[in-house]
């Protein structure tokens, strides 16, 4: 599961704790990996942002992956199955339904 976000993205900040809820549901499934992909052009702002907001996940920087996956807005969540095929794309999110929607899509991907 790839989470594309940026420090300046307000919805990304709202979505962050919802990802934590989903991660808890899949903590016993090592095949489910959550990858946080930052899309900020200025990488220097990311580390202070993470410290200030107490975000502790490992963050990777976008080096062309967003272009490859045709990410046109953030937040965007991409789920890739075991074969590396994109099986779900969520552009934006619905806060009250996000945890259930993402969990269901991950479960569906695990069936493949």
PDB file of N, CA and C in Angstrom:
ATOM      1  N   UNK A   1       0.842  -1.150   0.000  1.00  0.00           N
ATOM      2  CA  UNK A   1       0.000   0.000   0.000  1.00  0.00           C
ATOM      3  C   UNK A   1       0.894   1.220   0.000  1.00  0.00           C
ATOM      4  N   UNK A   2       0.688   2.095  -0.952  1.00  0.00           N
ATOM      5  CA  UNK A   2       1.457   3.332  -1.057  1.00  0.00           C
ATOM      6  C   UNK A   2       0.565   4.507  -0.679  1.00  0.00           C
ATOM      7  N   UNK A   3       1.067   5.354   0.205  1.00  0.00           N
ATOM      8  CA  UNK A   3       0.386   6.572   0.621  1.00  0.00           C
ATOM      9  C   UNK A   3       1.188   7.747   0.086  1.00  0.00           C
ATOM     10  N   UNK A   4       0.637   8.455  -0.904  1.00  0.00           N
ATOM     11  CA  UNK A   4       1.289   9.633  -1.469  1.00  0.00           C
ATOM     12  C   UNK A   4       0.758  10.866  -0.751  1.00  0.00           C
ATOM     13  N   UNK A   5       1.672  11.661  -0.183  1.00  0.00           N
ATOM     14  CA  UNK A   5       1.283  12.806   0.620  1.00  0.00           C
ATOM     15  C   UNK A   5       2.340  13.905   0.527  1.00  0.00           C
ATOM     16  N   UNK A   6       2.024  15.073   1.112  1.00  0.00           N
ATOM     17  CA  UNK A   6       2.976  16.185   1.191  1.00  0.00           C
ATOM     18  C   UNK A   6       2.744  16.952   2.492  1.00  0.00           C
ATOM     19  N   UNK A   7       3.759  17.661   2.937  1.00  0.00           N
ATOM     20  CA  UNK A   7       3.661  18.401   4.199  1.00  0.00           C
ATOM     21  C   UNK A   7       2.619  19.507   4.139  1.00  0.00           C
ATOM     22  N   UNK A   8       2.408  20.098   2.980  1.00  0.00           N
ATOM     23  CA  UNK A   8       1.480  21.218   2.827  1.00  0.00           C
ATOM     24  C   UNK A   8       0.027  20.769   2.630  1.00  0.00           C
ATOM     25  N   UNK A   9      -0.208  19.480   2.577  1.00  0.00           N
ATOM     26  CA  UNK A   9      -1.530  18.918   2.272  1.00  0.00           C
ATOM     27  C   UNK A   9      -2.347  18.726   3.558  1.00  0.00           C
ATOM     28  N   UNK A  10      -3.347  19.584   3.762  1.00  0.00           N
ATOM     29  CA  UNK A  10      -4.210  19.486   4.937  1.00  0.00           C
ATOM     30  C   UNK A  10      -4.930  18.150   5.047  1.00  0.00           C
ATOM     31  N   UNK A  11      -5.565  17.669   3.982  1.00  0.00           N
ATOM     32  CA  UNK A  11      -6.219  16.365   4.061  1.00  0.00           C
ATOM     33  C   UNK A  11      -5.260  15.227   4.407  1.00  0.00           C
ATOM     34  N   UNK A  12      -4.003  15.342   3.996  1.00  0.00           N
ATOM     35  CA  UNK A  12      -3.021  14.303   4.330  1.00  0.00           C
ATOM     36  C   UNK A  12      -2.814  14.220   5.840  1.00  0.00           C
ATOM     37  N   UNK A  13      -2.852  15.368   6.488  1.00  0.00           N
ATOM     38  CA  UNK A  13      -2.682  15.398   7.949  1.00  0.00           C
ATOM     39  C   UNK A  13      -3.868  14.739   8.645  1.00  0.00           C
ATOM     40  N   UNK A  14      -5.054  14.950   8.116  1.00  0.00           N
ATOM     41  CA  UNK A  14      -6.255  14.332   8.678  1.00  0.00           C
ATOM     42  C   UNK A  14      -6.216  12.825   8.455  1.00  0.00           C
ATOM     43  N   UNK A  15      -5.722  12.427   7.305  1.00  0.00           N
ATOM     44  CA  UNK A  15      -5.711  11.019   6.927  1.00  0.00           C
ATOM     45  C   UNK A  15      -4.668  10.213   7.707  1.00  0.00           C
ATOM     46  N   UNK A  16      -3.600  10.836   8.133  1.00  0.00           N
ATOM     47  CA  UNK A  16      -2.485  10.127   8.770  1.00  0.00           C
ATOM     48  C   UNK A  16      -2.905   9.212   9.930  1.00  0.00           C
ATOM     49  N   UNK A  17      -3.673   9.690  10.915  1.00  0.00           N
ATOM     50  CA  UNK A  17      -4.050   8.781  12.009  1.00  0.00           C
ATOM     51  C   UNK A  17      -4.980   7.652  11.560  1.00  0.00           C
ATOM     52  N   UNK A  18      -5.683   7.858  10.451  1.00  0.00           N
ATOM     53  CA  UNK A  18      -6.554   6.801   9.925  1.00  0.00           C
ATOM     54  C   UNK A  18      -5.713   5.654   9.371  1.00  0.00           C
ATOM     55  N   UNK A  19      -4.576   5.982   8.753  1.00  0.00           N
ATOM     56  CA  UNK A  19      -3.649   4.933   8.302  1.00  0.00           C
ATOM     57  C   UNK A  19      -3.164   4.112   9.494  1.00  0.00           C
ATOM     58  N   UNK A  20      -2.912   4.793  10.605  1.00  0.00           N
ATOM     59  CA  UNK A  20      -2.452   4.082  11.804  1.00  0.00           C
ATOM     60  C   UNK A  20      -3.485   3.052  12.253  1.00  0.00           C
ATOM     61  N   UNK A  21      -4.758   3.394  12.150  1.00  0.00           N
ATOM     62  CA  UNK A  21      -5.818   2.442  12.508  1.00  0.00           C
ATOM     63  C   UNK A  21      -5.799   1.222  11.591  1.00  0.00           C
ATOM     64  N   UNK A  22      -5.610   1.468  10.305  1.00  0.00           N
ATOM     65  CA  UNK A  22      -5.577   0.357   9.343  1.00  0.00           C
ATOM     66  C   UNK A  22      -4.343  -0.509   9.592  1.00  0.00           C
ATOM     67  N   UNK A  23      -3.209   0.119   9.861  1.00  0.00           N
ATOM     68  CA  UNK A  23      -1.987  -0.637  10.143  1.00  0.00           C
ATOM     69  C   UNK A  23      -2.183  -1.594  11.315  1.00  0.00           C
ATOM     70  N   UNK A  24      -2.889  -1.146  12.343  1.00  0.00           N
ATOM     71  CA  UNK A  24      -3.146  -2.003  13.506  1.00  0.00           C
ATOM     72  C   UNK A  24      -3.933  -3.250  13.100  1.00  0.00           C
ATOM     73  N   UNK A  25      -4.870  -3.092  12.174  1.00  0.00           N
ATOM     74  CA  UNK A  25      -5.687  -4.229  11.737  1.00  0.00           C
ATOM     75  C   UNK A  25      -4.852  -5.293  11.031  1.00  0.00           C
ATOM     76  N   UNK A  26      -3.755  -4.872  10.396  1.00  0.00           N
ATOM     77  CA  UNK A  26      -2.950  -5.789   9.589  1.00  0.00           C
ATOM     78  C   UNK A  26      -1.580  -6.061  10.189  1.00  0.00           C
ATOM     79  N   UNK A  27      -1.392  -5.743  11.471  1.00  0.00           N
ATOM     80  CA  UNK A  27      -0.072  -5.905  12.081  1.00  0.00           C
ATOM     81  C   UNK A  27       0.393  -7.351  12.117  1.00  0.00           C
ATOM     82  N   UNK A  28      -0.515  -8.302  12.069  1.00  0.00           N
ATOM     83  CA  UNK A  28      -0.157  -9.724  12.083  1.00  0.00           C
ATOM     84  C   UNK A  28       0.038 -10.285  10.671  1.00  0.00           C
ATOM     85  N   UNK A  29      -0.014  -9.435   9.675  1.00  0.00           N
ATOM     86  CA  UNK A  29       0.137  -9.875   8.281  1.00  0.00           C
ATOM     87  C   UNK A  29       1.371  -9.205   7.677  1.00  0.00           C
ATOM     88  N   UNK A  30       2.513  -9.865   7.750  1.00  0.00           N
ATOM     89  CA  UNK A  30       3.746  -9.257   7.254  1.00  0.00           C
ATOM     90  C   UNK A  30       3.729  -8.996   5.748  1.00  0.00           C
ATOM     91  N   UNK A  31       2.819  -9.639   5.033  1.00  0.00           N
ATOM     92  CA  UNK A  31       2.746  -9.403   3.590  1.00  0.00           C
ATOM     93  C   UNK A  31       2.083  -8.067   3.251  1.00  0.00           C
ATOM     94  N   UNK A  32       1.481  -7.420   4.245  1.00  0.00           N
ATOM     95  CA  UNK A  32       0.877  -6.102   4.035  1.00  0.00           C
ATOM     96  C   UNK A  32       1.885  -5.055   4.498  1.00  0.00           C
ATOM     97  N   UNK A  33       2.364  -4.268   3.543  1.00  0.00           N
ATOM     98  CA  UNK A  33       3.395  -3.274   3.805  1.00  0.00           C
ATOM     99  C   UNK A  33       2.843  -1.895   3.482  1.00  0.00           C
ATOM    100  N   UNK A  34       3.034  -0.974   4.406  1.00  0.00           N
ATOM    101  CA  UNK A  34       2.579   0.402   4.226  1.00  0.00           C
ATOM    102  C   UNK A  34       3.790   1.268   3.903  1.00  0.00           C
ATOM    103  N   UNK A  35       3.761   1.917   2.748  1.00  0.00           N
ATOM    104  CA  UNK A  35       4.873   2.739   2.297  1.00  0.00           C
ATOM    105  C   UNK A  35       4.393   4.184   2.176  1.00  0.00           C
ATOM    106  N   UNK A  36       5.022   5.050   2.932  1.00  0.00           N
ATOM    107  CA  UNK A  36       4.701   6.472   2.943  1.00  0.00           C
ATOM    108  C   UNK A  36       5.605   7.174   1.929  1.00  0.00           C
ATOM    109  N   UNK A  37       4.994   7.778   0.891  1.00  0.00           N
ATOM    110  CA  UNK A  37       5.761   8.413  -0.182  1.00  0.00           C
ATOM    111  C   UNK A  37       5.496   9.917  -0.154  1.00  0.00           C
ATOM    112  N   UNK A  38       6.522  10.670   0.192  1.00  0.00           N
ATOM    113  CA  UNK A  38       6.390  12.121   0.259  1.00  0.00           C
ATOM    114  C   UNK A  38       6.638  12.719  -1.113  1.00  0.00           C
ATOM    115  N   UNK A  39       5.786  13.665  -1.498  1.00  0.00           N
ATOM    116  CA  UNK A  39       5.875  14.280  -2.818  1.00  0.00           C
ATOM    117  C   UNK A  39       6.352  15.728  -2.770  1.00  0.00           C
ATOM    118  N   UNK A  40       6.802  16.208  -1.609  1.00  0.00           N
ATOM    119  CA  UNK A  40       7.301  17.585  -1.515  1.00  0.00           C
ATOM    120  C   UNK A  40       8.490  17.776  -2.443  1.00  0.00           C
ATOM    121  N   UNK A  41       8.530  18.916  -3.125  1.00  0.00           N
ATOM    122  CA  UNK A  41       9.686  19.219  -3.964  1.00  0.00           C
ATOM    123  C   UNK A  41      10.892  19.577  -3.100  1.00  0.00           C
ATOM    124  N   UNK A  42      10.652  20.232  -1.983  1.00  0.00           N
ATOM    125  CA  UNK A  42      11.715  20.622  -1.059  1.00  0.00           C
ATOM    126  C   UNK A  42      11.818  19.581   0.048  1.00  0.00           C
ATOM    127  N   UNK A  43      12.760  18.672  -0.070  1.00  0.00           N
ATOM    128  CA  UNK A  43      12.891  17.569   0.883  1.00  0.00           C
ATOM    129  C   UNK A  43      13.278  18.041   2.279  1.00  0.00           C
ATOM    130  N   UNK A  44      13.912  19.187   2.373  1.00  0.00           N
ATOM    131  CA  UNK A  44      14.367  19.693   3.660  1.00  0.00           C
ATOM    132  C   UNK A  44      13.253  20.022   4.632  1.00  0.00           C
ATOM    133  N   UNK A  45      12.036  20.190   4.154  1.00  0.00           N
ATOM    134  CA  UNK A  45      10.917  20.522   5.042  1.00  0.00           C
ATOM    135  C   UNK A  45      10.315  19.280   5.685  1.00  0.00           C
ATOM    136  N   UNK A  46      10.642  18.115   5.178  1.00  0.00           N
ATOM    137  CA  UNK A  46       9.974  16.886   5.602  1.00  0.00           C
ATOM    138  C   UNK A  46      10.392  16.455   7.008  1.00  0.00           C
ATOM    139  N   UNK A  47      11.683  16.385   7.287  1.00  0.00           N
ATOM    140  CA  UNK A  47      12.147  15.930   8.603  1.00  0.00           C
ATOM    141  C   UNK A  47      11.614  16.815   9.732  1.00  0.00           C
ATOM    142  N   UNK A  48      11.698  18.157   9.624  1.00  0.00           N
ATOM    143  CA  UNK A  48      11.119  18.987  10.680  1.00  0.00           C
ATOM    144  C   UNK A  48       9.602  18.768  10.829  1.00  0.00           C
ATOM    145  N   UNK A  49       8.918  18.574   9.721  1.00  0.00           N
ATOM    146  CA  UNK A  49       7.471  18.317   9.761  1.00  0.00           C
ATOM    147  C   UNK A  49       7.180  17.030  10.528  1.00  0.00           C
ATOM    148  N   UNK A  50       7.935  15.987  10.239  1.00  0.00           N
ATOM    149  CA  UNK A  50       7.735  14.701  10.911  1.00  0.00           C
ATOM    150  C   UNK A  50       7.959  14.828  12.416  1.00  0.00           C
ATOM    151  N   UNK A  51       9.031  15.526  12.805  1.00  0.00           N
ATOM    152  CA  UNK A  51       9.323  15.720  14.229  1.00  0.00           C
ATOM    153  C   UNK A  51       8.228  16.540  14.909  1.00  0.00           C
ATOM    154  N   UNK A  52       7.862  17.644  14.283  1.00  0.00           N
ATOM    155  CA  UNK A  52       6.866  18.548  14.858  1.00  0.00           C
ATOM    156  C   UNK A  52       5.516  17.872  15.062  1.00  0.00           C
ATOM    157  N   UNK A  53       5.142  17.010  14.116  1.00  0.00           N
ATOM    158  CA  UNK A  53       3.836  16.347  14.172  1.00  0.00           C
ATOM    159  C   UNK A  53       3.900  14.954  14.800  1.00  0.00           C
ATOM    160  N   UNK A  54       5.114  14.558  15.222  1.00  0.00           N
ATOM    161  CA  UNK A  54       5.323  13.256  15.875  1.00  0.00           C
ATOM    162  C   UNK A  54       4.878  12.080  14.991  1.00  0.00           C
ATOM    163  N   UNK A  55       5.177  12.216  13.704  1.00  0.00           N
ATOM    164  CA  UNK A  55       4.934  11.116  12.772  1.00  0.00           C
ATOM    165  C   UNK A  55       6.192  10.268  12.781  1.00  0.00           C
ATOM    166  N   UNK A  56       6.036   8.990  13.070  1.00  0.00           N
ATOM    167  CA  UNK A  56       7.214   8.153  13.258  1.00  0.00           C
ATOM    168  C   UNK A  56       7.438   7.121  12.160  1.00  0.00           C
ATOM    169  N   UNK A  57       6.625   7.116  11.127  1.00  0.00           N
ATOM    170  CA  UNK A  57       6.825   6.123  10.078  1.00  0.00           C
ATOM    171  C   UNK A  57       8.020   6.482   9.206  1.00  0.00           C
ATOM    172  N   UNK A  58       8.609   5.469   8.607  1.00  0.00           N
ATOM    173  CA  UNK A  58       9.676   5.692   7.634  1.00  0.00           C
ATOM    174  C   UNK A  58       9.045   6.335   6.401  1.00  0.00           C
ATOM    175  N   UNK A  59       9.718   7.334   5.869  1.00  0.00           N
ATOM    176  CA  UNK A  59       9.198   8.063   4.716  1.00  0.00           C
ATOM    177  C   UNK A  59      10.166   7.919   3.554  1.00  0.00           C
ATOM    178  N   UNK A  60       9.611   7.637   2.396  1.00  0.00           N
ATOM    179  CA  UNK A  60      10.381   7.574   1.160  1.00  0.00           C
ATOM    180  C   UNK A  60      10.021   8.789   0.321  1.00  0.00           C
ATOM    181  N   UNK A  61      10.950   9.235  -0.495  1.00  0.00           N
ATOM    182  CA  UNK A  61      10.688  10.380  -1.356  1.00  0.00           C
ATOM    183  C   UNK A  61      10.341   9.910  -2.753  1.00  0.00           C
ATOM    184  N   UNK A  62       9.428  10.635  -3.355  1.00  0.00           N
ATOM    185  CA  UNK A  62       9.012  10.329  -4.712  1.00  0.00           C
ATOM    186  C   UNK A  62      10.143  10.690  -5.674  1.00  0.00           C
ATOM    187  N   UNK A  63      10.626   9.714  -6.383  1.00  0.00           N
ATOM    188  CA  UNK A  63      11.656   9.929  -7.402  1.00  0.00           C
ATOM    189  C   UNK A  63      11.151   9.392  -8.733  1.00  0.00           C
ATOM    190  N   UNK A  64       9.921   9.751  -9.077  1.00  0.00           N
ATOM    191  CA  UNK A  64       9.351   9.315 -10.340  1.00  0.00           C
ATOM    192  C   UNK A  64       8.229   8.305 -10.187  1.00  0.00           C
ATOM    193  N   UNK A  65       8.038   7.763  -8.980  1.00  0.00           N
ATOM    194  CA  UNK A  65       6.982   6.780  -8.773  1.00  0.00           C
ATOM    195  C   UNK A  65       5.599   7.390  -9.003  1.00  0.00           C
ATOM    196  N   UNK A  66       5.406   8.631  -8.561  1.00  0.00           N
ATOM    197  CA  UNK A  66       4.105   9.293  -8.757  1.00  0.00           C
ATOM    198  C   UNK A  66       3.807   9.440 -10.247  1.00  0.00           C
ATOM    199  N   UNK A  67       4.800   9.770 -11.008  1.00  0.00           N
ATOM    200  CA  UNK A  67       4.617   9.902 -12.461  1.00  0.00           C
ATOM    201  C   UNK A  67       4.291   8.533 -13.070  1.00  0.00           C
ATOM    202  N   UNK A  68       5.024   7.513 -12.648  1.00  0.00           N
ATOM    203  CA  UNK A  68       4.804   6.160 -13.156  1.00  0.00           C
ATOM    204  C   UNK A  68       3.382   5.678 -12.857  1.00  0.00           C
ATOM    205  N   UNK A  69       2.900   5.976 -11.638  1.00  0.00           N
ATOM    206  CA  UNK A  69       1.560   5.537 -11.231  1.00  0.00           C
ATOM    207  C   UNK A  69       0.470   6.551 -11.569  1.00  0.00           C
ATOM    208  N   UNK A  70       0.867   7.619 -12.272  1.00  0.00           N
ATOM    209  CA  UNK A  70      -0.077   8.656 -12.719  1.00  0.00           C
ATOM    210  C   UNK A  70      -0.842   9.286 -11.549  1.00  0.00           C
ATOM    211  N   UNK A  71      -0.087   9.658 -10.508  1.00  0.00           N
ATOM    212  CA  UNK A  71      -0.667  10.346  -9.364  1.00  0.00           C
ATOM    213  C   UNK A  71      -0.848  11.806  -9.754  1.00  0.00           C
ATOM    214  N   UNK A  72      -2.089  12.271  -9.745  1.00  0.00           N
ATOM    215  CA  UNK A  72      -2.359  13.651 -10.153  1.00  0.00           C
ATOM    216  C   UNK A  72      -2.842  14.520  -9.003  1.00  0.00           C
ATOM    217  N   UNK A  73      -3.146  13.913  -7.864  1.00  0.00           N
ATOM    218  CA  UNK A  73      -3.569  14.676  -6.692  1.00  0.00           C
ATOM    219  C   UNK A  73      -3.174  13.902  -5.441  1.00  0.00           C
ATOM    220  N   UNK A  74      -3.103  14.636  -4.337  1.00  0.00           N
ATOM    221  CA  UNK A  74      -2.815  13.963  -3.076  1.00  0.00           C
ATOM    222  C   UNK A  74      -3.835  14.433  -2.055  1.00  0.00           C
ATOM    223  N   UNK A  75      -4.157  13.630  -1.082  1.00  0.00           N
ATOM    224  CA  UNK A  75      -3.608  12.299  -0.879  1.00  0.00           C
ATOM    225  C   UNK A  75      -4.135  11.295  -1.895  1.00  0.00           C
ATOM    226  N   UNK A  76      -3.299  10.360  -2.242  1.00  0.00           N
ATOM    227  CA  UNK A  76      -3.689   9.230  -3.075  1.00  0.00           C
ATOM    228  C   UNK A  76      -3.132   7.968  -2.436  1.00  0.00           C
ATOM    229  N   UNK A  77      -3.954   6.948  -2.402  1.00  0.00           N
ATOM    230  CA  UNK A  77      -3.560   5.652  -1.855  1.00  0.00           C
ATOM    231  C   UNK A  77      -3.618   4.626  -2.971  1.00  0.00           C
ATOM    232  N   UNK A  78      -2.538   3.910  -3.161  1.00  0.00           N
ATOM    233  CA  UNK A  78      -2.445   2.877  -4.191  1.00  0.00           C
ATOM    234  C   UNK A  78      -2.210   1.540  -3.495  1.00  0.00           C
ATOM    235  N   UNK A  79      -2.965   0.529  -3.890  1.00  0.00           N
ATOM    236  CA  UNK A  79      -2.744  -0.823  -3.378  1.00  0.00           C
ATOM    237  C   UNK A  79      -2.261  -1.685  -4.531  1.00  0.00           C
ATOM    238  N   UNK A  80      -1.167  -2.382  -4.285  1.00  0.00           N
ATOM    239  CA  UNK A  80      -0.552  -3.252  -5.279  1.00  0.00           C
ATOM    240  C   UNK A  80      -0.647  -4.680  -4.746  1.00  0.00           C
ATOM    241  N   UNK A  81      -1.008  -5.609  -5.626  1.00  0.00           N
ATOM    242  CA  UNK A  81      -1.126  -7.001  -5.175  1.00  0.00           C
ATOM    243  C   UNK A  81       0.242  -7.686  -5.189  1.00  0.00           C
ATOM    244  N   UNK A  82       0.244  -8.959  -4.880  1.00  0.00           N
ATOM    245  CA  UNK A  82       1.501  -9.718  -4.782  1.00  0.00           C
ATOM    246  C   UNK A  82       2.261  -9.784  -6.105  1.00  0.00           C
ATOM    247  N   UNK A  83       1.544  -9.633  -7.200  1.00  0.00           N
ATOM    248  CA  UNK A  83       2.186  -9.679  -8.520  1.00  0.00           C
ATOM    249  C   UNK A  83       2.694  -8.303  -8.953  1.00  0.00           C
ATOM    250  N   UNK A  84       2.464  -7.279  -8.112  1.00  0.00           N
ATOM    251  CA  UNK A  84       2.917  -5.942  -8.452  1.00  0.00           C
ATOM    252  C   UNK A  84       1.926  -5.156  -9.292  1.00  0.00           C
ATOM    253  N   UNK A  85       0.712  -5.666  -9.402  1.00  0.00           N
ATOM    254  CA  UNK A  85      -0.307  -4.975 -10.193  1.00  0.00           C
ATOM    255  C   UNK A  85      -1.136  -4.060  -9.300  1.00  0.00           C
ATOM    256  N   UNK A  86      -1.421  -2.863  -9.803  1.00  0.00           N
ATOM    257  CA  UNK A  86      -2.273  -1.936  -9.064  1.00  0.00           C
ATOM    258  C   UNK A  86      -3.689  -2.492  -9.061  1.00  0.00           C
ATOM    259  N   UNK A  87      -4.229  -2.715  -7.860  1.00  0.00           N
ATOM    260  CA  UNK A  87      -5.573  -3.274  -7.745  1.00  0.00           C
ATOM    261  C   UNK A  87      -6.562  -2.267  -7.153  1.00  0.00           C
ATOM    262  N   UNK A  88      -6.044  -1.151  -6.637  1.00  0.00           N
ATOM    263  CA  UNK A  88      -6.927  -0.134  -6.077  1.00  0.00           C
ATOM    264  C   UNK A  88      -6.233   1.216  -6.086  1.00  0.00           C
ATOM    265  N   UNK A  89      -7.034   2.249  -6.352  1.00  0.00           N
ATOM    266  CA  UNK A  89      -6.548   3.628  -6.325  1.00  0.00           C
ATOM    267  C   UNK A  89      -7.618   4.450  -5.623  1.00  0.00           C
ATOM    268  N   UNK A  90      -7.199   5.145  -4.587  1.00  0.00           N
ATOM    269  CA  UNK A  90      -8.115   6.023  -3.853  1.00  0.00           C
ATOM    270  C   UNK A  90      -7.561   7.443  -3.938  1.00  0.00           C
ATOM    271  N   UNK A  91      -8.188   8.282  -4.757  1.00  0.00           N
ATOM    272  CA  UNK A  91      -7.796   9.686  -4.865  1.00  0.00           C
ATOM    273  C   UNK A  91      -8.600  10.453  -3.825  1.00  0.00           C
ATOM    274  N   UNK A  92      -7.903  11.087  -2.891  1.00  0.00           N
ATOM    275  CA  UNK A  92      -8.596  11.732  -1.789  1.00  0.00           C
ATOM    276  C   UNK A  92      -9.118  10.668  -0.838  1.00  0.00           C
ATOM    277  N   UNK A  93     -10.037  11.058   0.058  1.00  0.00           N
ATOM    278  CA  UNK A  93     -10.582  10.074   0.989  1.00  0.00           C
ATOM    279  C   UNK A  93     -11.825  10.635   1.659  1.00  0.00           C
ATOM    280  N   UNK A  94     -12.631   9.728   2.153  1.00  0.00           N
ATOM    281  CA  UNK A  94     -13.821  10.071   2.927  1.00  0.00           C
ATOM    282  C   UNK A  94     -13.502   9.726   4.381  1.00  0.00           C
ATOM    283  N   UNK A  95     -13.204  10.718   5.228  1.00  0.00           N
ATOM    284  CA  UNK A  95     -12.749  10.425   6.591  1.00  0.00           C
ATOM    285  C   UNK A  95     -13.597   9.410   7.358  1.00  0.00           C
ATOM    286  N   UNK A  96     -14.946   9.526   7.359  1.00  0.00           N
ATOM    287  CA  UNK A  96     -15.697   8.572   8.183  1.00  0.00           C
ATOM    288  C   UNK A  96     -15.648   7.125   7.670  1.00  0.00           C
ATOM    289  N   UNK A  97     -15.321   6.952   6.394  1.00  0.00           N
ATOM    290  CA  UNK A  97     -15.337   5.613   5.804  1.00  0.00           C
ATOM    291  C   UNK A  97     -13.960   5.095   5.428  1.00  0.00           C
ATOM    292  N   UNK A  98     -12.930   5.916   5.580  1.00  0.00           N
ATOM    293  CA  UNK A  98     -11.617   5.569   5.057  1.00  0.00           C
ATOM    294  C   UNK A  98     -11.060   4.270   5.631  1.00  0.00           C
ATOM    295  N   UNK A  99     -11.104   4.107   6.940  1.00  0.00           N
ATOM    296  CA  UNK A  99     -10.519   2.911   7.572  1.00  0.00           C
ATOM    297  C   UNK A  99     -11.179   1.652   7.021  1.00  0.00           C
ATOM    298  N   UNK A 100     -12.497   1.641   6.952  1.00  0.00           N
ATOM    299  CA  UNK A 100     -13.204   0.460   6.436  1.00  0.00           C
ATOM    300  C   UNK A 100     -12.935   0.251   4.950  1.00  0.00           C
ATOM    301  N   UNK A 101     -12.956   1.335   4.174  1.00  0.00           N
ATOM    302  CA  UNK A 101     -12.726   1.208   2.733  1.00  0.00           C
ATOM    303  C   UNK A 101     -11.335   0.669   2.436  1.00  0.00           C
ATOM    304  N   UNK A 102     -10.323   1.237   3.091  1.00  0.00           N
ATOM    305  CA  UNK A 102      -8.957   0.786   2.837  1.00  0.00           C
ATOM    306  C   UNK A 102      -8.768  -0.648   3.319  1.00  0.00           C
ATOM    307  N   UNK A 103      -9.314  -0.968   4.479  1.00  0.00           N
ATOM    308  CA  UNK A 103      -9.192  -2.335   5.008  1.00  0.00           C
ATOM    309  C   UNK A 103      -9.816  -3.351   4.057  1.00  0.00           C
ATOM    310  N   UNK A 104     -10.978  -3.038   3.530  1.00  0.00           N
ATOM    311  CA  UNK A 104     -11.650  -3.941   2.584  1.00  0.00           C
ATOM    312  C   UNK A 104     -10.831  -4.116   1.313  1.00  0.00           C
ATOM    313  N   UNK A 105     -10.264  -3.030   0.825  1.00  0.00           N
ATOM    314  CA  UNK A 105      -9.476  -3.120  -0.405  1.00  0.00           C
ATOM    315  C   UNK A 105      -8.193  -3.918  -0.186  1.00  0.00           C
ATOM    316  N   UNK A 106      -7.604  -3.784   0.970  1.00  0.00           N
ATOM    317  CA  UNK A 106      -6.408  -4.584   1.276  1.00  0.00           C
ATOM    318  C   UNK A 106      -6.796  -6.054   1.364  1.00  0.00           C
ATOM    319  N   UNK A 107      -7.896  -6.359   2.014  1.00  0.00           N
ATOM    320  CA  UNK A 107      -8.373  -7.755   2.110  1.00  0.00           C
ATOM    321  C   UNK A 107      -8.598  -8.331   0.712  1.00  0.00           C
ATOM    322  N   UNK A 108      -9.208  -7.543  -0.165  1.00  0.00           N
ATOM    323  CA  UNK A 108      -9.445  -8.013  -1.539  1.00  0.00           C
ATOM    324  C   UNK A 108      -8.117  -8.291  -2.251  1.00  0.00           C
ATOM    325  N   UNK A 109      -7.123  -7.414  -2.055  1.00  0.00           N
ATOM    326  CA  UNK A 109      -5.822  -7.602  -2.693  1.00  0.00           C
ATOM    327  C   UNK A 109      -5.136  -8.866  -2.183  1.00  0.00           C
ATOM    328  N   UNK A 110      -5.352  -9.202  -0.920  1.00  0.00           N
ATOM    329  CA  UNK A 110      -4.737 -10.395  -0.346  1.00  0.00           C
ATOM    330  C   UNK A 110      -5.304 -11.685  -0.953  1.00  0.00           C
ATOM    331  N   UNK A 111      -6.481 -11.605  -1.523  1.00  0.00           N
ATOM    332  CA  UNK A 111      -7.093 -12.776  -2.143  1.00  0.00           C
ATOM    333  C   UNK A 111      -6.444 -13.132  -3.470  1.00  0.00           C
ATOM    334  N   UNK A 112      -5.776 -12.167  -4.069  1.00  0.00           N
ATOM    335  CA  UNK A 112      -5.148 -12.393  -5.392  1.00  0.00           C
ATOM    336  C   UNK A 112      -3.807 -13.068  -5.249  1.00  0.00           C
TER     337      UNK A 112
END
